[in-house]
C-alpha atoms as a PDB file:
ATOM      1  CA  MET A   1       6.571  -9.315  25.049  1.00  0.00           C
ATOM      2  CA  GLU A   2      10.112  -9.982  24.030  1.00  0.00           C
ATOM      3  CA  HIS A   3      10.324 -13.668  23.783  1.00  0.00           C
ATOM      4  CA  PRO A   4      11.953 -13.874  19.959  1.00  0.00           C
ATOM      5  CA  VAL A   5       9.320 -17.051  19.176  1.00  0.00           C
ATOM      6  CA  ALA A   6       6.495 -14.453  19.400  1.00  0.00           C
ATOM      7  CA  TRP A   7       7.610 -12.610  17.366  1.00  0.00           C
ATOM      8  CA  VAL A   8       8.528 -15.230  14.628  1.00  0.00           C
ATOM      9  CA  LEU A   9       5.127 -17.183  15.091  1.00  0.00           C
ATOM     10  CA  PHE A  10       2.866 -13.814  14.509  1.00  0.00           C
ATOM     11  CA  GLY A  11       5.158 -13.314  11.229  1.00  0.00           C
ATOM     12  CA  ILE A  12       3.947 -16.384   9.925  1.00  0.00           C
ATOM     13  CA  PHE A  13       0.696 -16.025  10.741  1.00  0.00           C
ATOM     14  CA  VAL A  14       0.544 -12.366   9.054  1.00  0.00           C
ATOM     15  CA  LEU A  15       2.297 -14.194   5.627  1.00  0.00           C
ATOM     16  CA  ALA A  16      -0.628 -16.957   6.159  1.00  0.00           C
ATOM     17  CA  MET A  17      -3.413 -15.035   6.211  1.00  0.00           C
ATOM     18  CA  LEU A  18      -2.207 -12.577   3.616  1.00  0.00           C
ATOM     19  CA  TRP A  19      -0.951 -16.038   1.214  1.00  0.00           C
ATOM     20  CA  LEU A  20      -4.598 -17.153   1.742  1.00  0.00           C
ATOM     21  CA  ASP A  21      -6.389 -13.668   1.067  1.00  0.00           C
ATOM     22  CA  LEU A  22      -4.608 -13.445  -2.063  1.00  0.00           C
ATOM     23  CA  ALA A  23      -4.335 -16.769  -3.498  1.00  0.00           C
ATOM     24  CA  VAL A  24      -7.062 -18.865  -2.236  1.00  0.00           C
ATOM     25  CA  PHE A  25      -9.959 -16.530  -1.792  1.00  0.00           C
ATOM     26  CA  HIS A  26      -9.516 -13.643  -3.750  1.00  0.00           C
ATOM     27  CA  LYS A  27      -7.096 -15.363  -6.834  1.00  0.00           C
ATOM     28  CA  LYS A  28      -9.610 -13.801  -9.417  1.00  0.00           C
ATOM     29  CA  ALA A  29     -10.623 -10.128  -9.352  1.00  0.00           C
ATOM     30  CA  HIS A  30     -13.880  -9.958  -8.663  1.00  0.00           C
ATOM     31  CA  VAL A  31     -16.607  -7.443  -7.389  1.00  0.00           C
ATOM     32  CA  VAL A  32     -16.356  -8.092  -3.322  1.00  0.00           C
ATOM     33  CA  SER A  33     -20.563  -7.987  -2.464  1.00  0.00           C
ATOM     34  CA  ILE A  34     -21.793  -6.411   0.848  1.00  0.00           C
ATOM     35  CA  ARG A  35     -22.773 -10.148   2.119  1.00  0.00           C
ATOM     36  CA  GLU A  36     -19.027 -11.455   1.757  1.00  0.00           C
ATOM     37  CA  ALA A  37     -17.417  -8.196   3.010  1.00  0.00           C
ATOM     38  CA  LEU A  38     -19.285  -8.364   6.114  1.00  0.00           C
ATOM     39  CA  LEU A  39     -18.202 -11.828   6.974  1.00  0.00           C
ATOM     40  CA  TRP A  40     -14.497 -11.098   6.135  1.00  0.00           C
ATOM     41  CA  SER A  41     -15.052  -7.923   8.507  1.00  0.00           C
ATOM     42  CA  ALA A  42     -16.125 -10.327  11.198  1.00  0.00           C
ATOM     43  CA  PHE A  43     -13.264 -12.829  10.672  1.00  0.00           C
ATOM     44  CA  TRP A  44     -11.135 -10.848  10.708  1.00  0.00           C
ATOM     45  CA  ILE A  45     -12.337  -8.622  14.040  1.00  0.00           C
ATOM     46  CA  GLY A  46     -13.321 -12.053  15.471  1.00  0.00           C
ATOM     47  CA  LEU A  47      -9.373 -13.224  15.080  1.00  0.00           C
ATOM     48  CA  ALA A  48      -7.923 -10.122  16.638  1.00  0.00           C
ATOM     49  CA  LEU A  49     -10.655 -10.940  19.526  1.00  0.00           C
ATOM     50  CA  LEU A  50      -9.421 -14.141  19.639  1.00  0.00           C
ATOM     51  CA  PHE A  51      -5.525 -13.275  19.568  1.00  0.00           C
ATOM     52  CA  ASN A  52      -6.434 -10.988  22.313  1.00  0.00           C
ATOM     53  CA  ILE A  53      -7.690 -13.421  24.752  1.00  0.00           C
ATOM     54  CA  GLY A  54      -4.099 -15.003  24.034  1.00  0.00           C
ATOM     55  CA  ILE A  55      -2.540 -11.749  25.250  1.00  0.00           C
ATOM     56  CA  TYR A  56      -4.843 -12.448  28.212  1.00  0.00           C
ATOM     57  CA  TYR A  57      -3.560 -15.989  29.099  1.00  0.00           C
ATOM     58  CA  TYR A  58       0.315 -15.271  28.502  1.00  0.00           C
ATOM     59  CA  GLU A  59       0.751 -11.698  29.194  1.00  0.00           C
ATOM     60  CA  GLY A  60      -2.229 -10.674  32.285  1.00  0.00           C
ATOM     61  CA  HIS A  61      -5.182  -8.258  32.571  1.00  0.00           C
ATOM     62  CA  GLU A  62      -3.331  -4.964  31.952  1.00  0.00           C
ATOM     63  CA  ALA A  63      -1.928  -6.291  28.609  1.00  0.00           C
ATOM     64  CA  ALA A  64      -4.750  -7.674  27.043  1.00  0.00           C
ATOM     65  CA  LEU A  65      -6.387  -3.841  27.886  1.00  0.00           C
ATOM     66  CA  GLN A  66      -3.644  -2.769  26.257  1.00  0.00           C
ATOM     67  CA  PHE A  67      -3.775  -4.162  23.229  1.00  0.00           C
ATOM     68  CA  LEU A  68      -7.693  -4.241  22.799  1.00  0.00           C
ATOM     69  CA  THR A  69      -7.719   0.238  23.515  1.00  0.00           C
ATOM     70  CA  GLY A  70      -5.108   0.201  21.214  1.00  0.00           C
ATOM     71  CA  TYR A  71      -6.860  -1.950  18.314  1.00  0.00           C
ATOM     72  CA  LEU A  72      -9.819   0.425  19.035  1.00  0.00           C
ATOM     73  CA  ILE A  73      -7.694   3.592  18.601  1.00  0.00           C
ATOM     74  CA  GLU A  74      -6.318   1.978  15.261  1.00  0.00           C
ATOM     75  CA  LYS A  75      -9.191   0.769  13.831  1.00  0.00           C
ATOM     76  CA  SER A  76     -10.982   3.756  14.530  1.00  0.00           C
ATOM     77  CA  LEU A  77      -8.517   6.329  13.106  1.00  0.00           C
ATOM     78  CA  SER A  78      -8.371   3.789  10.199  1.00  0.00           C
ATOM     79  CA  ILE A  79     -11.613   4.334   9.089  1.00  0.00           C
ATOM     80  CA  ASP A  80     -10.610   7.706   7.739  1.00  0.00           C
ATOM     81  CA  ASN A  81      -8.735   5.967   5.769  1.00  0.00           C
ATOM     82  CA  LEU A  82     -11.961   4.665   4.257  1.00  0.00           C
ATOM     83  CA  PHE A  83     -13.081   8.131   3.228  1.00  0.00           C
ATOM     84  CA  VAL A  84      -9.572   8.789   1.585  1.00  0.00           C
ATOM     85  CA  PHE A  85      -9.684   5.184  -0.196  1.00  0.00           C
ATOM     86  CA  LEU A  86     -13.105   5.889  -1.488  1.00  0.00           C
ATOM     87  CA  LEU A  87     -12.135   9.420  -2.706  1.00  0.00           C
ATOM     88  CA  ILE A  88      -9.076   8.387  -4.313  1.00  0.00           C
ATOM     89  CA  PHE A  89     -10.845   5.405  -6.697  1.00  0.00           C
ATOM     90  CA  THR A  90     -13.801   8.346  -7.473  1.00  0.00           C
ATOM     91  CA  TYR A  91     -11.213  10.015  -8.649  1.00  0.00           C
ATOM     92  CA  PHE A  92      -9.078   7.956 -10.592  1.00  0.00           C
ATOM     93  CA  LYS A  93     -12.579   5.930 -11.493  1.00  0.00           C
ATOM     94  CA  VAL A  94     -11.033   2.703 -10.455  1.00  0.00           C
ATOM     95  CA  PRO A  95     -13.682   0.134 -12.106  1.00  0.00           C
ATOM     96  CA  ALA A  96     -14.712  -1.842  -8.895  1.00  0.00           C
ATOM     97  CA  ILE A  97     -13.602  -5.498  -9.637  1.00  0.00           C
ATOM     98  CA  TYR A  98      -9.674  -3.904  -9.577  1.00  0.00           C
ATOM     99  CA  GLN A  99     -10.306  -2.315  -6.031  1.00  0.00           C
ATOM    100  CA  HIS A 100      -9.911  -5.390  -3.633  1.00  0.00           C
ATOM    101  CA  GLN A 101      -5.910  -5.871  -5.895  1.00  0.00           C
ATOM    102  CA  VAL A 102      -5.116  -2.607  -4.653  1.00  0.00           C
ATOM    103  CA  LEU A 103      -5.956  -2.311  -1.420  1.00  0.00           C
ATOM    104  CA  PHE A 104      -4.213  -5.598  -1.286  1.00  0.00           C
ATOM    105  CA  TRP A 105      -1.141  -4.378  -2.244  1.00  0.00           C
ATOM    106  CA  GLY A 106      -1.533  -1.107  -0.515  1.00  0.00           C
ATOM    107  CA  ILE A 107      -2.058  -2.736   2.763  1.00  0.00           C
ATOM    108  CA  LEU A 108       0.710  -5.099   2.172  1.00  0.00           C
ATOM    109  CA  GLY A 109       2.893  -2.387   1.987  1.00  0.00           C
ATOM    110  CA  ALA A 110       1.315  -0.414   4.895  1.00  0.00           C
ATOM    111  CA  LEU A 111       2.106  -2.926   7.033  1.00  0.00           C
ATOM    112  CA  VAL A 112       6.121  -3.001   6.376  1.00  0.00           C
ATOM    113  CA  MET A 113       5.831   1.209   6.766  1.00  0.00           C
ATOM    114  CA  ARG A 114       4.150   0.993   9.629  1.00  0.00           C
ATOM    115  CA  GLY A 115       6.710  -1.892  10.865  1.00  0.00           C
ATOM    116  CA  LEU A 116       9.604   0.490  10.355  1.00  0.00           C
ATOM    117  CA  PHE A 117       7.485   3.448  11.920  1.00  0.00           C
ATOM    118  CA  ILE A 118       7.100   1.209  14.995  1.00  0.00           C
ATOM    119  CA  ALA A 119      10.374   0.030  15.069  1.00  0.00           C
ATOM    120  CA  VAL A 120      11.893   3.965  15.208  1.00  0.00           C
ATOM    121  CA  GLY A 121       9.332   5.143  16.962  1.00  0.00           C
ATOM    122  CA  VAL A 122      10.191   2.900  20.151  1.00  0.00           C
ATOM    123  CA  ALA A 123      13.585   3.066  19.821  1.00  0.00           C
ATOM    124  CA  LEU A 124      13.600   6.981  19.966  1.00  0.00           C
ATOM    125  CA  VAL A 125      11.290   7.601  23.117  1.00  0.00           C
ATOM    126  CA  SER A 126      13.130   4.400  24.646  1.00  0.00           C
ATOM    127  CA  GLN A 127      16.060   7.239  24.453  1.00  0.00           C
ATOM    128  CA  PHE A 128      14.299  10.408  24.223  1.00  0.00           C
ATOM    129  CA  SER A 129      11.364   9.890  26.711  1.00  0.00           C
ATOM    130  CA  TRP A 130      10.582  13.820  25.997  1.00  0.00           C
ATOM    131  CA  LEU A 131       9.367  12.691  22.337  1.00  0.00           C
ATOM    132  CA  LEU A 132       6.330  11.643  24.258  1.00  0.00           C
ATOM    133  CA  TYR A 133       5.641  15.532  24.857  1.00  0.00           C
ATOM    134  CA  VAL A 134       5.981  16.300  21.649  1.00  0.00           C
ATOM    135  CA  PHE A 135       4.065  12.959  20.501  1.00  0.00           C
ATOM    136  CA  GLY A 136       0.655  14.381  22.952  1.00  0.00           C
ATOM    137  CA  VAL A 137       0.569  18.053  21.275  1.00  0.00           C
ATOM    138  CA  PHE A 138       1.093  16.618  18.217  1.00  0.00           C
ATOM    139  CA  LEU A 139      -1.750  14.841  18.339  1.00  0.00           C
ATOM    140  CA  ILE A 140      -3.912  17.376  20.109  1.00  0.00           C
ATOM    141  CA  VAL A 141      -2.692  20.176  16.813  1.00  0.00           C
ATOM    142  CA  THR A 142      -3.934  17.206  14.938  1.00  0.00           C
ATOM    143  CA  GLY A 143      -7.098  16.607  16.574  1.00  0.00           C
ATOM    144  CA  ALA A 144      -8.346  19.729  16.880  1.00  0.00           C
ATOM    145  CA  LYS A 145      -7.644  20.365  12.767  1.00  0.00           C
ATOM    146  CA  LEU A 146      -9.905  17.303  12.202  1.00  0.00           C
ATOM    147  CA  ALA A 147     -12.402  19.027  14.104  1.00  0.00           C
ATOM    148  CA  ILE A 148     -12.658  21.958  12.159  1.00  0.00           C
ATOM    149  CA  GLU A 149     -12.121  20.138   8.924  1.00  0.00           C
ATOM    150  CA  LYS A 150     -15.507  20.696   6.834  1.00  0.00           C
ATOM    151  CA  ASN A 151     -14.401  19.012   3.465  1.00  0.00           C
ATOM    152  CA  LYS A 152     -12.196  16.433   3.246  1.00  0.00           C
ATOM    153  CA  GLU A 153     -10.342  17.374  -0.507  1.00  0.00           C
ATOM    154  CA  LEU A 154      -8.078  15.175  -2.397  1.00  0.00           C
ATOM    155  CA  HIS A 155      -5.607  16.577  -5.122  1.00  0.00           C
ATOM    156  CA  PRO A 156      -3.799  13.259  -6.090  1.00  0.00           C
ATOM    157  CA  GLU A 157      -1.974  15.341  -8.769  1.00  0.00           C
ATOM    158  CA  ARG A 158      -0.743  17.839  -6.374  1.00  0.00           C
ATOM    159  CA  ASN A 159       1.399  14.689  -4.866  1.00  0.00           C
ATOM    160  CA  PRO A 160       5.411  15.321  -5.845  1.00  0.00           C
ATOM    161  CA  PHE A 161       6.207  11.986  -5.324  1.00  0.00           C
ATOM    162  CA  ILE A 162       3.225  11.284  -8.299  1.00  0.00           C
ATOM    163  CA  LYS A 163       5.139  13.510 -10.303  1.00  0.00           C
ATOM    164  CA  LEU A 164       8.311  12.566  -9.677  1.00  0.00           C
ATOM    165  CA  PHE A 165       6.838   8.900 -10.987  1.00  0.00           C
ATOM    166  CA  ARG A 166       5.429  10.046 -14.259  1.00  0.00           C
ATOM    167  CA  LYS A 167       8.991  11.845 -15.080  1.00  0.00           C
ATOM    168  CA  ILE A 168      10.515   8.549 -14.317  1.00  0.00           C
ATOM    169  CA  MET A 169       8.221   6.289 -16.228  1.00  0.00           C
ATOM    170  CA  PRO A 170       5.446   6.629 -18.570  1.00  0.00           C
ATOM    171  CA  VAL A 171       1.647   6.138 -18.000  1.00  0.00           C
ATOM    172  CA  THR A 172      -0.962   4.293 -20.048  1.00  0.00           C
ATOM    173  CA  SER A 173      -4.228   6.397 -20.250  1.00  0.00           C
ATOM    174  CA  ASP A 174      -6.128   3.306 -19.860  1.00  0.00           C
ATOM    175  CA  TYR A 175      -6.689   0.356 -17.216  1.00  0.00           C
ATOM    176  CA  GLU A 176      -4.907  -3.044 -18.583  1.00  0.00           C
ATOM    177  CA  GLU A 177      -6.852  -5.066 -16.415  1.00  0.00           C
ATOM    178  CA  ASP A 178      -5.681  -5.328 -13.376  1.00  0.00           C
ATOM    179  CA  LYS A 179      -2.266  -5.281 -14.310  1.00  0.00           C
ATOM    180  CA  PHE A 180      -0.153  -2.339 -12.766  1.00  0.00           C
ATOM    181  CA  ILE A 181       2.523  -2.684 -15.518  1.00  0.00           C
ATOM    182  CA  VAL A 182       2.953  -3.648 -18.960  1.00  0.00           C
ATOM    183  CA  LYS A 183       5.510  -4.044 -22.518  1.00  0.00           C
ATOM    184  CA  ARG A 184       4.828  -1.989 -25.423  1.00  0.00           C
ATOM    185  CA  ASN A 185       7.592  -1.420 -28.345  1.00  0.00           C
ATOM    186  CA  HIS A 186       9.983  -3.370 -25.749  1.00  0.00           C
ATOM    187  CA  GLN A 187       9.362  -0.157 -23.263  1.00  0.00           C
ATOM    188  CA  TYR A 188       7.921  -0.804 -19.707  1.00  0.00           C
ATOM    189  CA  TRP A 189       4.450   1.394 -18.817  1.00  0.00           C
ATOM    190  CA  ALA A 190       3.220   1.485 -15.815  1.00  0.00           C
ATOM    191  CA  THR A 191      -1.054   1.436 -15.577  1.00  0.00           C
ATOM    192  CA  PRO A 192      -3.187   3.884 -13.560  1.00  0.00           C
ATOM    193  CA  LEU A 193      -4.326   0.895 -11.404  1.00  0.00           C
ATOM    194  CA  LEU A 194      -0.381   1.662 -10.441  1.00  0.00           C
ATOM    195  CA  VAL A 195      -0.241   5.226  -9.652  1.00  0.00           C
ATOM    196  CA  VAL A 196      -3.409   4.796  -7.673  1.00  0.00           C
ATOM    197  CA  LEU A 197      -1.443   1.749  -5.754  1.00  0.00           C
ATOM    198  CA  LEU A 198       1.252   4.625  -5.134  1.00  0.00           C
ATOM    199  CA  VAL A 199      -1.670   7.530  -3.737  1.00  0.00           C
ATOM    200  CA  VAL A 200      -2.949   5.112  -1.187  1.00  0.00           C
ATOM    201  CA  GLU A 201       0.717   3.865  -0.222  1.00  0.00           C
ATOM    202  CA  THR A 202       2.023   7.617  -0.034  1.00  0.00           C
ATOM    203  CA  THR A 203      -1.361   8.691   1.965  1.00  0.00           C
ATOM    204  CA  ASP A 204      -0.790   5.802   4.407  1.00  0.00           C
ATOM    205  CA  VAL A 205       2.116   7.487   5.552  1.00  0.00           C
ATOM    206  CA  ILE A 206       0.299  10.482   6.355  1.00  0.00           C
ATOM    207  CA  PHE A 207      -1.930   8.769   8.169  1.00  0.00           C
ATOM    208  CA  ALA A 208       0.591   6.666  10.386  1.00  0.00           C
ATOM    209  CA  MET A 209       2.148   9.532  11.544  1.00  0.00           C
ATOM    210  CA  ASP A 210      -1.096  10.092  13.449  1.00  0.00           C
ATOM    211  CA  SER A 211      -2.165   6.897  14.474  1.00  0.00           C
ATOM    212  CA  ILE A 212       1.253   5.489  15.402  1.00  0.00           C
ATOM    213  CA  PRO A 213       2.053   8.152  17.906  1.00  0.00           C
ATOM    214  CA  ALA A 214      -1.697   7.954  19.304  1.00  0.00           C
ATOM    215  CA  ILE A 215      -0.882   3.852  20.494  1.00  0.00           C
ATOM    216  CA  PHE A 216       1.953   5.497  22.422  1.00  0.00           C
ATOM    217  CA  ALA A 217       0.302   7.263  25.040  1.00  0.00           C
ATOM    218  CA  ILE A 218      -1.631   3.261  26.138  1.00  0.00           C
ATOM    219  CA  THR A 219       1.836   1.386  25.272  1.00  0.00           C
ATOM    220  CA  LEU A 220       5.052   1.419  24.531  1.00  0.00           C
ATOM    221  CA  ASP A 221       5.721  -2.553  24.018  1.00  0.00           C
ATOM    222  CA  PRO A 222       6.383  -2.900  20.753  1.00  0.00           C
ATOM    223  CA  PHE A 223       4.737  -6.332  20.044  1.00  0.00           C
ATOM    224  CA  ILE A 224       1.795  -4.543  21.288  1.00  0.00           C
ATOM    225  CA  VAL A 225       1.820  -1.630  19.719  1.00  0.00           C
ATOM    226  CA  PHE A 226       2.998  -3.822  16.126  1.00  0.00           C
ATOM    227  CA  THR A 227       0.197  -6.266  17.036  1.00  0.00           C
ATOM    228  CA  SER A 228      -2.773  -3.957  17.296  1.00  0.00           C
ATOM    229  CA  ASN A 229      -1.296  -2.324  14.095  1.00  0.00           C
ATOM    230  CA  VAL A 230      -1.848  -5.113  12.115  1.00  0.00           C
ATOM    231  CA  PHE A 231      -4.674  -6.380  12.875  1.00  0.00           C
ATOM    232  CA  ALA A 232      -5.987  -3.487  12.209  1.00  0.00           C
ATOM    233  CA  ILE A 233      -5.286  -3.049   9.118  1.00  0.00           C
ATOM    234  CA  LEU A 234      -5.755  -6.751   8.194  1.00  0.00           C
ATOM    235  CA  GLY A 235      -9.471  -6.085   8.411  1.00  0.00           C
ATOM    236  CA  LEU A 236      -9.097  -2.327   6.463  1.00  0.00           C
ATOM    237  CA  ARG A 237      -9.850  -3.686   3.242  1.00  0.00           C
ATOM    238  CA  ALA A 238     -13.467  -5.936   4.300  1.00  0.00           C
ATOM    239  CA  LEU A 239     -14.618  -3.096   6.099  1.00  0.00           C
ATOM    240  CA  TYR A 240     -13.567  -0.886   3.257  1.00  0.00           C
ATOM    241  CA  PHE A 241     -16.195  -2.855   0.919  1.00  0.00           C
ATOM    242  CA  ALA A 242     -18.570  -3.616   4.240  1.00  0.00           C
ATOM    243  CA  LEU A 243     -18.923   0.229   4.345  1.00  0.00           C
ATOM    244  CA  ALA A 244     -18.090   2.045   1.007  1.00  0.00           C
ATOM    245  CA  GLY A 245     -21.990   2.332   0.096  1.00  0.00           C
ATOM    246  CA  VAL A 246     -22.879   3.949   3.312  1.00  0.00           C
ATOM    247  CA  MET A 247     -19.644   6.033   4.526  1.00  0.00           C
ATOM    248  CA  ARG A 248     -21.149   9.593   3.439  1.00  0.00           C
ATOM    249  CA  LEU A 249     -23.640   8.598   6.335  1.00  0.00           C
ATOM    250  CA  PHE A 250     -20.923   9.099   8.853  1.00  0.00           C
ATOM    251  CA  HIS A 251     -20.361  12.710   8.488  1.00  0.00           C
ATOM    252  CA  HIS A 252     -19.837  13.512  12.033  1.00  0.00           C
ATOM    253  CA  LEU A 253     -17.705  10.596  12.732  1.00  0.00           C
ATOM    254  CA  HIS A 254     -15.126  13.043  12.610  1.00  0.00           C
ATOM    255  CA  TYR A 255     -15.718  14.748  15.697  1.00  0.00           C
ATOM    256  CA  GLY A 256     -15.315  11.660  17.035  1.00  0.00           C
ATOM    257  CA  LEU A 257     -11.833  10.795  15.740  1.00  0.00           C
ATOM    258  CA  SER A 258     -10.506  14.409  16.591  1.00  0.00           C
ATOM    259  CA  ALA A 259     -11.501  13.650  19.992  1.00  0.00           C
ATOM    260  CA  ILE A 260     -10.033  10.401  20.396  1.00  0.00           C
ATOM    261  CA  LEU A 261      -6.687  12.154  18.883  1.00  0.00           C
ATOM    262  CA  VAL A 262      -6.959  15.043  21.699  1.00  0.00           C
ATOM    263  CA  PHE A 263      -7.595  12.233  24.363  1.00  0.00           C
ATOM    264  CA  VAL A 264      -5.067  10.352  23.891  1.00  0.00           C
ATOM    265  CA  GLY A 265      -2.735  13.302  23.665  1.00  0.00           C
ATOM    266  CA  ILE A 266      -3.643  14.877  26.363  1.00  0.00           C
ATOM    267  CA  LYS A 267      -3.162  11.123  28.069  1.00  0.00           C
ATOM    268  CA  MET A 268       0.606  11.695  27.022  1.00  0.00           C
ATOM    269  CA  LEU A 269       1.110  15.385  28.686  1.00  0.00           C
ATOM    270  CA  VAL A 270      -0.149  14.227  31.818  1.00  0.00           C
ATOM    271  CA  ALA A 271       1.209  10.228  32.183  1.00  0.00           C
ATOM    272  CA  ASP A 272       4.105  11.300  34.524  1.00  0.00           C
ATOM    273  CA  HIS A 273       1.224  13.231  36.852  1.00  0.00           C
ATOM    274  CA  ILE A 274      -1.799  10.878  36.097  1.00  0.00           C
ATOM    275  CA  HIS A 275      -2.436   8.276  35.128  1.00  0.00           C
ATOM    276  CA  ILE A 276      -5.397   7.040  33.266  1.00  0.00           C
ATOM    277  CA  PRO A 277      -6.058   3.482  33.496  1.00  0.00           C
ATOM    278  CA  ALA A 278      -6.469   1.556  30.324  1.00  0.00           C
ATOM    279  CA  VAL A 279      -9.984   1.053  30.670  1.00  0.00           C
ATOM    280  CA  LEU A 280     -11.010   3.904  31.025  1.00  0.00           C
ATOM    281  CA  ALA A 281      -9.157   5.077  28.134  1.00  0.00           C
ATOM    282  CA  LEU A 282     -11.101   2.203  26.115  1.00  0.00           C
ATOM    283  CA  GLY A 283     -14.450   2.958  27.520  1.00  0.00           C
ATOM    284  CA  PHE A 284     -13.566   6.619  26.837  1.00  0.00           C
ATOM    285  CA  ILE A 285     -12.902   5.655  23.127  1.00  0.00           C
ATOM    286  CA  ALA A 286     -15.698   3.238  22.745  1.00  0.00           C
ATOM    287  CA  LEU A 287     -18.241   6.174  23.786  1.00  0.00           C
ATOM    288  CA  VAL A 288     -17.507   8.783  21.610  1.00  0.00           C
ATOM    289  CA  LEU A 289     -16.936   6.232  18.449  1.00  0.00           C
ATOM    290  CA  VAL A 290     -20.987   5.236  19.652  1.00  0.00           C
ATOM    291  CA  LEU A 291     -22.010   8.877  20.135  1.00  0.00           C
ATOM    292  CA  SER A 292     -20.812  10.175  17.061  1.00  0.00           C
ATOM    293  CA  VAL A 293     -22.340   7.422  14.892  1.00  0.00           C
ATOM    294  CA  LEU A 294     -25.441   8.286  16.422  1.00  0.00           C
ATOM    295  CA  ALA A 295     -24.764  11.988  15.927  1.00  0.00           C
ATOM    296  CA  SER A 296     -24.712  11.538  12.469  1.00  0.00           C
ATOM    297  CA  ILE A 297     -28.115   9.041  12.706  1.00  0.00           C
ATOM    298  CA  ILE A 298     -30.409  11.225  13.909  1.00  0.00           C
ATOM    299  CA  TRP A 299     -28.639  15.041  12.546  1.00  0.00           C
ATOM    300  CA  PRO A 300     -28.319  13.538   9.105  1.00  0.00           C
ATOM    301  CA  ALA A 301     -25.766  15.954   6.526  1.00  0.00           C
ATOM    302  CA  LYS A 302     -28.015  18.313   4.506  1.00  0.00           C
ATOM    303  CA  ASP A 303     -25.945  19.273   2.005  1.00  0.00           C
ATOM    304  CA  PRO A 304     -25.506  16.150  -0.401  1.00  0.00           C
ATOM    305  CA  GLU A 305     -22.323  17.504  -1.034  1.00  0.00           C
ATOM    306  CA  HIS A 306     -20.701  17.141   2.260  1.00  0.00           C
ATOM    307  CA  PHE A 307     -18.256  15.303   1.279  1.00  0.00           C
ATOM    308  CA  LYS A 308     -17.283  14.616  -2.366  1.00  0.00           C
ATOM    309  CA  ALA A 309     -14.256  14.302  -4.292  1.00  0.00           C
ATOM    310  CA  LYS A 310     -12.297  18.027  -5.986  1.00  0.00           C
END
């Protein structure tokens, strides 16, 4: 979809939803309950499905399938973000009451970075079509690596960006309520909450390198690529609070995500010779996610420390 009005209207919609989220519904910091998180998750998923209906009405069946498949890919891959968010908050001992604010600004930054990545990616692929083969190989390698990964380790102290930041700006030893920056003795200090936000932002850059090439296997339409990413990210915060208590049970999910990455990588490599319909890709991705969750329930982890921050 190249009509500029669609881009403007969607941008206004996103800004309006972000404003309502921060300034109206979550104006005061509070611990997000599971019930509230489930309601917000249903709300964001419902909005995505309504938007998909609009795509179907204006752009047709194929575009709607591409959006839904792209949304499911981005949503499933973003689940890995949730595990990392849990590790980050555990590592830094972030009080539950402040986690929502960190995720809000983290997701706002992710929207901006994803938009830049998509714009650059589409432009490059349009000029150099062979890059799709590079993306395909990259996704297969990433998927294979994910399959053999047994423990998720978090070492934010090794993050070069955080090391540089600590040299530039002093950091307080304790949290200062929900503030990111405080002023002491005519000098500005960062709080640990700002450090957590920076870790979240830099981590999302790494995840974007996987998720954005993955959707290029489905479509190169920048509007569909961007909107499916946005809807997946907008609902990510609510999904985190809804699943935070049970995420450790999904210990086989990384196998499913691995299969999805390998599948879309292969789809990229064979696209010039074998056409895999969007409905088939959608069915495969949905089936893999269901099977990986069922496998986690049927064969629970024997080691209670299977998933931990180190």
